[in-house]
C-alpha atoms as a PDB file:
ATOM      1  CA  MET A   1      17.348  -3.906  22.879  1.00  0.00           C
ATOM      2  CA  GLU A   2      20.962  -3.909  22.644  1.00  0.00           C
ATOM      3  CA  TYR A   3      23.059  -1.649  20.459  1.00  0.00           C
ATOM      4  CA  CYS A   4      26.476  -2.469  18.902  1.00  0.00           C
ATOM      5  CA  PRO A   5      29.375  -0.716  20.794  1.00  0.00           C
ATOM      6  CA  LYS A   6      31.229  -0.215  17.452  1.00  0.00           C
ATOM      7  CA  CYS A   7      28.648   0.922  14.926  1.00  0.00           C
ATOM      8  CA  LYS A   8      25.662   1.744  17.246  1.00  0.00           C
ATOM      9  CA  CYS A   9      23.337  -0.522  15.102  1.00  0.00           C
ATOM     10  CA  LEU A  10      20.703  -2.885  16.605  1.00  0.00           C
ATOM     11  CA  MET A  11      22.121  -6.235  17.529  1.00  0.00           C
ATOM     12  CA  PHE A  12      20.223  -9.517  17.196  1.00  0.00           C
ATOM     13  CA  PRO A  13      20.308 -12.819  19.200  1.00  0.00           C
ATOM     14  CA  LYS A  14      22.185 -15.678  17.724  1.00  0.00           C
ATOM     15  CA  GLY A  15      22.405 -18.679  20.200  1.00  0.00           C
ATOM     16  CA  ASP A  16      23.989 -17.220  23.415  1.00  0.00           C
ATOM     17  CA  LYS A  17      25.316 -14.060  21.749  1.00  0.00           C
ATOM     18  CA  LEU A  18      24.082 -10.997  20.238  1.00  0.00           C
ATOM     19  CA  VAL A  19      25.509 -10.217  16.865  1.00  0.00           C
ATOM     20  CA  CYS A  20      25.441  -6.963  14.664  1.00  0.00           C
ATOM     21  CA  GLN A  21      24.371  -7.466  11.162  1.00  0.00           C
ATOM     22  CA  MET A  22      26.206  -4.258  10.009  1.00  0.00           C
ATOM     23  CA  CYS A  23      29.782  -4.942  11.367  1.00  0.00           C
ATOM     24  CA  GLY A  24      29.608  -8.368  12.625  1.00  0.00           C
ATOM     25  CA  ALA A  25      30.449  -7.567  16.276  1.00  0.00           C
ATOM     26  CA  GLU A  26      29.452  -9.971  18.845  1.00  0.00           C
ATOM     27  CA  LYS A  27      28.417  -9.622  22.557  1.00  0.00           C
ATOM     28  CA  LYS A  28      27.222 -11.825  25.336  1.00  0.00           C
ATOM     29  CA  LYS A  29      23.718 -11.734  26.075  1.00  0.00           C
ATOM     30  CA  SER A  30      22.782  -9.798  29.281  1.00  0.00           C
ATOM     31  CA  GLY A  31      19.465 -10.609  30.993  1.00  0.00           C
ATOM     32  CA  SER A  32      17.190 -13.811  30.705  1.00  0.00           C
ATOM     33  CA  SER A  33      15.223 -12.970  27.705  1.00  0.00           C
ATOM     34  CA  ILE A  34      15.434 -10.857  24.718  1.00  0.00           C
ATOM     35  CA  MET A  35      12.421 -10.034  22.461  1.00  0.00           C
ATOM     36  CA  VAL A  36      12.819  -9.537  18.719  1.00  0.00           C
ATOM     37  CA  GLU A  37      10.024  -8.138  16.751  1.00  0.00           C
ATOM     38  CA  LYS A  38       9.895  -8.815  12.986  1.00  0.00           C
ATOM     39  CA  GLN A  39       7.436  -7.158  10.669  1.00  0.00           C
ATOM     40  CA  LYS A  40       6.173  -8.904   7.508  1.00  0.00           C
ATOM     41  CA  MET A  41       6.527  -6.940   4.320  1.00  0.00           C
ATOM     42  CA  LYS A  42       3.165  -6.018   2.934  1.00  0.00           C
ATOM     43  CA  GLU A  43       2.009  -7.690  -0.173  1.00  0.00           C
ATOM     44  CA  THR A  44       0.215  -5.751  -2.918  1.00  0.00           C
ATOM     45  CA  VAL A  45      -2.200  -7.521  -5.115  1.00  0.00           C
ATOM     46  CA  VAL A  46      -1.841  -6.472  -8.778  1.00  0.00           C
ATOM     47  CA  LEU A  47      -5.056  -6.941 -10.859  1.00  0.00           C
ATOM     48  CA  GLU A  48      -3.985  -8.324 -14.205  1.00  0.00           C
ATOM     49  CA  LYS A  49      -6.578  -8.849 -16.979  1.00  0.00           C
ATOM     50  CA  LYS A  50      -9.368  -7.943 -14.414  1.00  0.00           C
ATOM     51  CA  ILE A  51      -8.835  -4.275 -15.141  1.00  0.00           C
ATOM     52  CA  ASP A  52     -12.385  -4.027 -16.485  1.00  0.00           C
ATOM     53  CA  ILE A  53     -13.801  -3.963 -12.851  1.00  0.00           C
ATOM     54  CA  LEU A  54     -12.129  -0.652 -12.153  1.00  0.00           C
ATOM     55  CA  PRO A  55     -13.839   2.769 -12.630  1.00  0.00           C
ATOM     56  CA  LYS A  56     -13.468   4.713 -15.867  1.00  0.00           C
ATOM     57  CA  THR A  57     -12.951   8.497 -16.406  1.00  0.00           C
ATOM     58  CA  ARG A  58     -12.446  10.809 -19.590  1.00  0.00           C
ATOM     59  CA  VAL A  59      -8.873  11.743 -19.725  1.00  0.00           C
ATOM     60  CA  GLU A  60      -6.445  11.755 -22.709  1.00  0.00           C
ATOM     61  CA  CYS A  61      -3.718   9.076 -22.774  1.00  0.00           C
ATOM     62  CA  PRO A  62      -0.279  10.566 -23.259  1.00  0.00           C
ATOM     63  CA  LYS A  63       0.866   7.649 -25.421  1.00  0.00           C
ATOM     64  CA  CYS A  64      -1.878   6.910 -27.925  1.00  0.00           C
ATOM     65  CA  GLY A  65      -4.399   9.756 -27.362  1.00  0.00           C
ATOM     66  CA  HIS A  66      -7.374   7.783 -26.397  1.00  0.00           C
ATOM     67  CA  ASN A  67      -9.736   9.560 -24.295  1.00  0.00           C
ATOM     68  CA  GLU A  68     -10.833   6.956 -21.770  1.00  0.00           C
ATOM     69  CA  ALA A  69      -8.852   5.442 -18.815  1.00  0.00           C
ATOM     70  CA  PHE A  70      -9.392   3.333 -15.714  1.00  0.00           C
ATOM     71  CA  TRP A  71      -8.335   4.932 -12.512  1.00  0.00           C
ATOM     72  CA  ILE A  72      -7.229   4.048  -8.929  1.00  0.00           C
ATOM     73  CA  LEU A  73      -6.135   6.357  -5.972  1.00  0.00           C
ATOM     74  CA  ARG A  74      -2.944   5.502  -3.801  1.00  0.00           C
ATOM     75  CA  GLN A  75      -1.362   7.165  -0.986  1.00  0.00           C
ATOM     76  CA  THR A  76       2.116   7.204  -2.160  1.00  0.00           C
ATOM     77  CA  ARG A  77       3.540  10.135  -0.298  1.00  0.00           C
ATOM     78  CA  ALA A  78       3.155  11.291   3.444  1.00  0.00           C
ATOM     79  CA  SER A  79      -0.452  11.090   4.943  1.00  0.00           C
ATOM     80  CA  ASP A  80      -0.741  14.851   4.994  1.00  0.00           C
ATOM     81  CA  GLU A  81      -0.334  15.044   1.200  1.00  0.00           C
ATOM     82  CA  PRO A  82      -3.044  14.210  -1.546  1.00  0.00           C
ATOM     83  CA  GLU A  83      -3.348  10.860  -3.085  1.00  0.00           C
ATOM     84  CA  THR A  84      -1.815   9.863  -6.369  1.00  0.00           C
ATOM     85  CA  ARG A  85      -4.246   8.954  -9.180  1.00  0.00           C
ATOM     86  CA  ILE A  86      -3.016   6.074 -11.262  1.00  0.00           C
ATOM     87  CA  TYR A  87      -4.587   5.903 -14.802  1.00  0.00           C
ATOM     88  CA  THR A  88      -4.583   2.950 -17.193  1.00  0.00           C
ATOM     89  CA  CYS A  89      -5.511   3.591 -20.874  1.00  0.00           C
ATOM     90  CA  VAL A  90      -8.422   1.545 -21.848  1.00  0.00           C
ATOM     91  CA  LYS A  91      -7.093   1.002 -25.459  1.00  0.00           C
ATOM     92  CA  CYS A  92      -3.246   0.545 -25.040  1.00  0.00           C
ATOM     93  CA  GLU A  93      -3.076  -0.223 -21.356  1.00  0.00           C
ATOM     94  CA  HIS A  94      -0.494   2.529 -20.836  1.00  0.00           C
ATOM     95  CA  ARG A  95      -0.087   3.618 -17.182  1.00  0.00           C
ATOM     96  CA  TRP A  96       0.654   7.232 -15.877  1.00  0.00           C
ATOM     97  CA  ARG A  97       0.414   9.018 -12.720  1.00  0.00           C
ATOM     98  CA  ALA A  98      -1.190  12.336 -11.939  1.00  0.00           C
ATOM     99  CA  TYR A  99      -0.373  14.033  -8.505  1.00  0.00           C
END
């Protein structure tokens, strides 16, 4: 890995040069091979109109007052903190969270 001499950000290969994506600085490649690792963004599947397959619980909807909602658990914070409960009202489909 090579870092930009101006702004200290990671430089990426472009042709026979390394280019900083932050400040645009260029540098001649040193060495015979450079490895760049790219991560694909994770894709989240959203259930639309298939909500009836989720588990239900008795909890009051803050919007309409109905007392039944579907729920799911998601890890929205650090792994050492508890998960977030996401509720969807059976009647009005309002969504809210409980931490």
